[in-house]
Amino acid sequence: MASLPKIRRSRLSTHAAQPAERTTADVQRLEAFGLTWLNIESPMALDAQWLSSNYDFHELDIEDVLSRRQQRSKIDPYDDYVFMVLHFPRFDKRTQRMQAAELDLFLADDLLITLPKEPLKPLSAMWTQLRTRDEEQARHMSKGSGHLMYELVDRLFDYCFPILGKIGHKLEWIEDQIFEDKGDEVLRDISNTKQEIINFRKIIKPQRPTLRGLERHTQRYAPHDLELYFDDIVDKNERIWDELENFKEVVEALYDTNEAVMRQKQENLIRVLTLLSALLLPLTLVTGFYGMNVGGLAGAGHWWGALMVLGIMVLIGAGFVWFFHRKRWL
């Protein structure tokens, strides 16, 4: 059995890629109206130890928080809290690809803990907004932890629509470029856009059944009736999915159209080369015939002989062009 090739790793690059180790838990805290919101970004072992020592969360949930392997979307209800795993799209500048950013949440009475494994702009923006503006705190944190969780998840799904808009504009741009004789560039753009749509679909599809159970498992933590609000989140998720379904059909149609255009250009090129070959064949025959070293040919040895041969070639060429045009091959 052939041995597998070994991957060579640079020690310098490996150490450079590792984040600086923290010596204490990094827990951001926001308290207002008897409600506490804790945010732990990119949780590490120290953060998990802090959670275990301060809250009675199940060890499997703590394990999911620390896992570097992406967890599936889910809702795990317990007697005194709910643990949730959701995913949202995030553009990775390093790989130039859309990736799924995992968000873990603990929801309990007067407590919301968010643990994004990757930075999420809507979450950071909402945190800054509530920390700096008292009226926003009163609007979002005075109605219970369930309402605060709803507002956060709602903003995260709202953030998906500008991403969908960018994909839509990209598809329109590709459609305009298909007939601009940029086959290779268009094919690369179609491939990249198709990959973005596939990655987006992988993020949204597994969450559809999870979101349908969101209201049922979290209603006890919201003093107000949030059934309609959670239905709105489900509706937004379905709208995102419908847009992705449309984009999938559009990008496949653009791929087929681009292939048809490139195929048509190749056929046109082959047709031109074939017609040129058919035109040059009789001319080559005439020149070969009069080029033979045989005496007695008409015009041989006279200056007018070359003009006669040239005239014959012109007449034959014109006749072939007329024939091709009549057959609509030109």
Protein backbone atom coordinates (compact mmCIF):
# COMPACT_ATOMS: atom_id res chain seq x y z
CA MET A 1 0.00 0.00 0.00
CA ALA A 2 1.40 3.36 -1.03
CA SER A 3 2.23 5.70 1.81
CA LEU A 4 0.45 9.03 2.00
CA PRO A 5 2.51 12.17 1.37
CA LYS A 6 3.41 14.12 4.47
CA ILE A 7 2.27 17.70 4.83
CA ARG A 8 5.12 20.07 5.52
CA ARG A 9 4.28 22.78 8.01
CA SER A 10 6.20 25.91 8.75
CA ARG A 11 6.78 26.40 12.47
CA LEU A 12 6.95 30.13 12.05
CA SER A 13 3.62 30.42 10.27
CA THR A 14 1.97 28.02 12.74
CA HIS A 15 2.96 30.11 15.74
CA ALA A 16 2.07 33.34 13.94
CA ALA A 17 -1.46 32.09 13.25
CA GLN A 18 -2.19 31.28 16.90
CA PRO A 19 -3.97 33.99 18.92
CA ALA A 20 -2.38 35.27 22.08
CA GLU A 21 -3.28 33.16 25.10
CA ARG A 22 -5.43 34.86 27.71
CA THR A 23 -4.87 34.39 31.41
CA THR A 24 -8.36 35.42 32.55
CA ALA A 25 -11.88 34.94 31.24
CA ASP A 26 -13.02 37.69 28.86
CA VAL A 27 -16.66 38.28 29.80
CA GLN A 28 -18.48 41.42 28.68
CA ARG A 29 -21.35 42.34 31.00
CA LEU A 30 -24.34 44.59 30.47
CA GLU A 31 -27.00 44.98 33.20
CA ALA A 32 -30.21 46.99 33.08
CA PHE A 33 -33.82 46.62 34.35
CA GLY A 34 -32.90 43.48 36.29
CA LEU A 35 -31.65 41.76 33.13
CA THR A 36 -28.05 40.66 32.54
CA TRP A 37 -26.53 40.18 29.11
CA LEU A 38 -23.14 38.49 29.01
CA ASN A 39 -21.14 38.28 25.81
CA ILE A 40 -18.09 36.03 25.40
CA GLU A 41 -16.50 36.25 21.97
CA SER A 42 -14.46 33.29 20.69
CA PRO A 43 -14.81 31.36 23.98
CA MET A 44 -11.77 29.50 25.31
CA ALA A 45 -11.18 27.03 28.14
CA LEU A 46 -10.88 29.85 30.69
CA ASP A 47 -14.28 31.19 29.67
CA ALA A 48 -15.81 27.72 29.92
CA GLN A 49 -14.38 27.31 33.42
CA TRP A 50 -15.84 30.66 34.40
CA LEU A 51 -19.27 29.60 33.09
CA SER A 52 -19.12 26.28 34.93
CA SER A 53 -18.15 27.94 38.20
CA ASN A 54 -20.83 30.63 38.04
CA TYR A 55 -23.78 28.80 36.41
CA ASP A 56 -25.17 25.30 36.60
CA PHE A 57 -25.09 24.54 32.88
CA HIS A 58 -24.92 20.99 31.59
CA GLU A 59 -21.40 19.79 30.85
CA LEU A 60 -22.40 18.75 27.31
CA ASP A 61 -23.45 22.34 26.56
CA ILE A 62 -20.12 23.62 27.85
CA GLU A 63 -18.44 21.04 25.66
CA ASP A 64 -20.39 22.31 22.61
CA VAL A 65 -19.30 25.86 23.41
CA LEU A 66 -15.63 24.85 23.43
CA SER A 67 -15.80 22.52 20.43
CA ARG A 68 -13.84 23.72 17.40
CA ARG A 69 -15.99 21.48 15.25
CA GLN A 70 -19.08 23.31 14.11
CA GLN A 71 -22.23 22.13 15.90
CA ARG A 72 -25.55 21.61 14.19
CA SER A 73 -28.35 24.11 14.75
CA LYS A 74 -30.44 23.04 17.73
CA ILE A 75 -32.47 24.03 20.79
CA ASP A 76 -31.91 22.07 24.01
CA PRO A 77 -34.49 23.01 26.69
CA TYR A 78 -33.78 22.35 30.39
CA ASP A 79 -35.74 23.02 33.56
CA ASP A 80 -34.13 26.38 34.27
CA TYR A 81 -32.53 27.44 30.98
CA VAL A 82 -32.42 26.88 27.22
CA PHE A 83 -29.27 26.27 25.18
CA MET A 84 -29.33 27.20 21.48
CA VAL A 85 -26.95 26.91 18.54
CA LEU A 86 -27.61 29.08 15.49
CA HIS A 87 -25.57 29.90 12.38
CA PHE A 88 -25.30 33.04 10.32
CA PRO A 89 -23.35 33.92 7.16
CA ARG A 90 -20.02 35.66 7.49
CA PHE A 91 -17.55 36.59 4.75
CA ASP A 92 -14.08 35.30 5.53
CA LYS A 93 -11.53 37.73 4.07
CA ARG A 94 -8.72 35.21 4.48
CA THR A 95 -10.30 32.55 2.26
CA GLN A 96 -12.49 34.98 0.28
CA ARG A 97 -15.42 32.66 0.94
CA MET A 98 -18.71 32.86 2.80
CA GLN A 99 -18.56 30.82 5.98
CA ALA A 100 -21.02 29.87 8.69
CA ALA A 101 -20.46 31.77 11.95
CA GLU A 102 -21.74 29.83 14.93
CA LEU A 103 -23.57 31.60 17.75
CA ASP A 104 -24.23 29.75 21.01
CA LEU A 105 -26.80 31.16 23.43
CA PHE A 106 -27.88 30.45 27.01
CA LEU A 107 -31.30 31.83 27.88
CA ALA A 108 -32.63 31.87 31.45
CA ASP A 109 -34.69 34.08 33.75
CA ASP A 110 -33.28 37.60 33.51
CA LEU A 111 -30.14 36.25 31.78
CA LEU A 112 -28.89 36.04 28.23
CA ILE A 113 -25.41 34.74 27.42
CA THR A 114 -24.15 34.98 23.84
CA LEU A 115 -21.01 33.16 22.73
CA PRO A 116 -20.17 33.96 19.09
CA LYS A 117 -17.30 31.83 17.83
CA GLU A 118 -16.65 34.41 15.10
CA PRO A 119 -17.25 38.19 15.22
CA LEU A 120 -20.79 39.09 14.16
CA LYS A 121 -21.35 42.73 13.18
CA PRO A 122 -25.07 42.93 14.14
CA LEU A 123 -24.30 41.55 17.60
CA SER A 124 -21.41 43.97 18.16
CA ALA A 125 -23.51 46.88 16.89
CA MET A 126 -26.43 46.02 19.19
CA TRP A 127 -24.10 45.62 22.17
CA THR A 128 -22.57 49.05 21.57
CA GLN A 129 -25.99 50.59 21.04
CA LEU A 130 -27.41 49.27 24.31
CA ARG A 131 -24.28 50.14 26.26
CA THR A 132 -24.21 53.78 25.11
CA ARG A 133 -27.90 54.68 24.81
CA ASP A 134 -30.26 54.47 27.78
CA GLU A 135 -33.39 54.64 25.65
CA GLU A 136 -32.27 51.54 23.72
CA GLN A 137 -31.69 49.72 26.99
CA ALA A 138 -35.22 50.60 28.10
CA ARG A 139 -36.68 49.44 24.78
CA HIS A 140 -34.88 46.10 24.56
CA MET A 141 -33.97 45.07 28.11
CA SER A 142 -37.11 45.95 30.02
CA LYS A 143 -39.25 43.15 28.55
CA GLY A 144 -37.34 40.08 29.67
CA SER A 145 -34.51 37.94 28.37
CA GLY A 146 -36.71 36.28 25.75
CA HIS A 147 -37.50 39.63 24.14
CA LEU A 148 -33.82 40.61 24.14
CA MET A 149 -32.92 37.31 22.51
CA TYR A 150 -35.61 37.87 19.88
CA GLU A 151 -34.28 41.35 19.07
CA LEU A 152 -30.75 39.98 18.64
CA VAL A 153 -31.75 37.05 16.43
CA ASP A 154 -34.02 39.30 14.40
CA ARG A 155 -31.14 41.70 13.67
CA LEU A 156 -28.87 38.83 12.71
CA PHE A 157 -31.39 37.61 10.15
CA ASP A 158 -31.95 41.16 8.89
CA TYR A 159 -28.22 41.27 8.19
CA CYS A 160 -28.67 38.40 5.71
CA PHE A 161 -30.71 40.53 3.30
CA PRO A 162 -27.90 42.95 2.31
CA ILE A 163 -25.76 39.87 1.60
CA LEU A 164 -28.54 38.53 -0.61
CA GLY A 165 -28.69 41.91 -2.34
CA LYS A 166 -24.98 41.75 -3.15
CA ILE A 167 -25.39 38.27 -4.62
CA GLY A 168 -28.33 39.51 -6.69
CA HIS A 169 -26.32 42.46 -8.06
CA LYS A 170 -23.45 40.09 -8.86
CA LEU A 171 -25.79 37.84 -10.84
CA GLU A 172 -27.09 40.84 -12.80
CA TRP A 173 -23.52 41.93 -13.55
CA ILE A 174 -22.64 38.41 -14.74
CA GLU A 175 -25.68 38.41 -17.02
CA ASP A 176 -24.48 41.65 -18.64
CA GLN A 177 -20.94 40.27 -19.07
CA ILE A 178 -21.90 37.01 -20.76
CA PHE A 179 -22.19 38.61 -24.21
CA GLU A 180 -19.10 40.81 -23.79
CA ASP A 181 -16.65 38.13 -25.01
CA LYS A 182 -15.20 37.47 -21.54
CA GLY A 183 -15.89 33.76 -21.34
CA ASP A 184 -13.11 32.75 -18.93
CA GLU A 185 -13.73 35.65 -16.51
CA VAL A 186 -17.49 35.08 -16.56
CA LEU A 187 -17.03 31.37 -15.93
CA ARG A 188 -14.84 32.11 -12.90
CA ASP A 189 -17.38 34.64 -11.55
CA ILE A 190 -20.23 32.16 -12.05
CA SER A 191 -18.27 29.48 -10.20
CA ASN A 192 -17.49 31.82 -7.26
CA THR A 193 -21.09 33.05 -7.03
CA LYS A 194 -22.42 29.51 -7.22
CA GLN A 195 -20.14 28.53 -4.33
CA GLU A 196 -21.42 31.49 -2.27
CA ILE A 197 -25.02 30.43 -2.88
CA ILE A 198 -24.24 26.82 -1.93
CA ASN A 199 -22.54 27.91 1.30
CA PHE A 200 -25.43 30.24 2.12
CA ARG A 201 -27.92 27.42 1.57
CA LYS A 202 -25.90 25.15 3.88
CA ILE A 203 -26.24 27.78 6.61
CA ILE A 204 -29.96 28.50 6.24
CA LYS A 205 -31.48 25.09 5.47
CA PRO A 206 -30.60 23.22 8.74
CA GLN A 207 -32.05 26.06 10.85
CA ARG A 208 -35.55 25.93 9.41
CA PRO A 209 -36.90 23.25 11.81
CA THR A 210 -34.92 24.79 14.69
CA LEU A 211 -36.51 28.21 14.30
CA ARG A 212 -40.00 26.72 14.22
CA GLY A 213 -39.46 25.52 17.79
CA LEU A 214 -37.97 28.80 18.97
CA GLU A 215 -41.20 30.30 20.31
CA ARG A 216 -42.31 27.09 21.99
CA HIS A 217 -39.13 26.68 24.03
CA THR A 218 -38.50 30.34 24.94
CA GLN A 219 -41.96 31.77 25.63
CA ARG A 220 -41.61 31.27 29.41
CA TYR A 221 -38.74 33.79 29.46
CA ALA A 222 -40.74 36.58 27.83
CA PRO A 223 -43.51 38.33 29.78
CA HIS A 224 -45.08 39.53 26.56
CA ASP A 225 -46.61 37.36 23.87
CA LEU A 226 -43.82 36.92 21.31
CA GLU A 227 -45.55 34.34 19.15
CA LEU A 228 -46.09 36.80 16.30
CA TYR A 229 -42.54 38.09 16.62
CA PHE A 230 -41.00 34.63 16.42
CA ASP A 231 -43.27 33.85 13.48
CA ASP A 232 -41.69 36.88 11.81
CA ILE A 233 -38.23 35.37 12.29
CA VAL A 234 -39.42 32.11 10.73
CA ASP A 235 -40.92 34.12 7.89
CA LYS A 236 -37.62 35.94 7.31
CA ASN A 237 -35.79 32.63 7.26
CA GLU A 238 -38.24 31.31 4.66
CA ARG A 239 -37.84 34.47 2.56
CA ILE A 240 -34.08 34.06 2.65
CA TRP A 241 -34.45 30.44 1.61
CA ASP A 242 -36.80 31.38 -1.25
CA GLU A 243 -34.29 33.99 -2.48
CA LEU A 244 -31.52 31.41 -2.38
CA GLU A 245 -33.69 28.98 -4.34
CA ASN A 246 -34.23 31.66 -6.98
CA PHE A 247 -30.52 32.49 -7.05
CA LYS A 248 -29.71 28.80 -7.47
CA GLU A 249 -31.94 28.60 -10.55
CA VAL A 250 -30.58 31.88 -11.94
CA VAL A 251 -26.92 30.93 -11.55
CA GLU A 252 -27.56 27.55 -13.19
CA ALA A 253 -29.34 29.30 -16.07
CA LEU A 254 -26.45 31.76 -16.40
CA TYR A 255 -24.00 28.86 -16.49
CA ASP A 256 -26.00 27.15 -19.26
CA THR A 257 -26.28 30.44 -21.17
CA ASN A 258 -22.56 31.10 -20.89
CA GLU A 259 -21.83 27.56 -22.09
CA ALA A 260 -24.19 28.07 -25.04
CA VAL A 261 -22.53 31.37 -25.96
CA MET A 262 -19.04 29.87 -25.77
CA ARG A 263 -20.21 26.86 -27.78
CA GLN A 264 -21.73 29.17 -30.41
CA LYS A 265 -18.47 31.11 -30.68
CA GLN A 266 -16.52 27.88 -31.13
CA GLU A 267 -18.96 26.71 -33.79
CA ASN A 268 -18.63 30.04 -35.61
CA LEU A 269 -14.85 29.74 -35.52
CA ILE A 270 -14.94 26.17 -36.80
CA ARG A 271 -17.35 27.20 -39.56
CA VAL A 272 -15.08 30.05 -40.69
CA LEU A 273 -12.04 27.77 -40.71
CA THR A 274 -13.98 25.13 -42.65
CA LEU A 275 -15.12 27.65 -45.25
CA LEU A 276 -11.59 28.97 -45.62
CA SER A 277 -10.31 25.44 -46.10
CA ALA A 278 -13.03 24.77 -48.72
CA LEU A 279 -12.13 28.03 -50.50
CA LEU A 280 -8.40 27.41 -50.51
CA LEU A 281 -8.66 23.81 -51.71
CA PRO A 282 -9.55 24.57 -55.40
CA LEU A 283 -7.13 27.50 -55.46
CA THR A 284 -4.37 25.22 -54.26
CA LEU A 285 -5.35 22.71 -56.93
CA VAL A 286 -5.07 25.36 -59.68
CA THR A 287 -1.71 26.64 -58.50
CA GLY A 288 -0.43 23.07 -58.10
CA PHE A 289 -1.60 22.14 -61.59
CA TYR A 290 0.07 25.12 -63.27
CA GLY A 291 3.12 24.72 -61.10
CA MET A 292 3.95 21.33 -62.62
CA ASN A 293 7.08 21.20 -64.74
CA VAL A 294 5.19 20.05 -67.84
CA GLY A 295 5.28 21.81 -71.21
CA GLY A 296 2.29 22.57 -73.41
CA LEU A 297 0.13 24.17 -70.74
CA ALA A 298 -1.85 27.22 -71.87
CA GLY A 299 0.13 30.39 -71.17
CA ALA A 300 3.22 28.53 -70.00
CA GLY A 301 6.30 30.64 -70.52
CA HIS A 302 4.30 33.82 -71.29
CA TRP A 303 3.63 36.82 -69.06
CA TRP A 304 -0.08 36.62 -69.67
CA GLY A 305 -0.13 33.06 -68.34
CA ALA A 306 0.23 34.29 -64.74
CA LEU A 307 -2.63 36.73 -65.26
CA MET A 308 -4.79 33.96 -66.68
CA VAL A 309 -4.14 31.71 -63.69
CA LEU A 310 -4.82 34.59 -61.32
CA GLY A 311 -8.09 35.32 -63.11
CA ILE A 312 -9.15 31.68 -62.85
CA MET A 313 -8.41 31.71 -59.12
CA VAL A 314 -10.42 34.92 -58.64
CA LEU A 315 -13.39 33.48 -60.54
CA ILE A 316 -13.29 30.24 -58.54
CA GLY A 317 -12.99 32.16 -55.24
CA ALA A 318 -15.87 34.47 -56.16
CA GLY A 319 -17.97 31.48 -57.19
CA PHE A 320 -17.39 29.75 -53.86
CA VAL A 321 -18.17 32.93 -51.90
CA TRP A 322 -21.43 33.35 -53.88
CA PHE A 323 -22.32 29.70 -53.23
CA PHE A 324 -21.61 30.02 -49.50
CA HIS A 325 -23.67 33.19 -49.28
CA ARG A 326 -26.55 31.59 -51.17
CA LYS A 327 -26.54 28.70 -48.72
CA ARG A 328 -26.39 31.23 -45.86
CA TRP A 329 -23.17 29.78 -44.55
CA LEU A 330 -21.63 33.25 -44.45
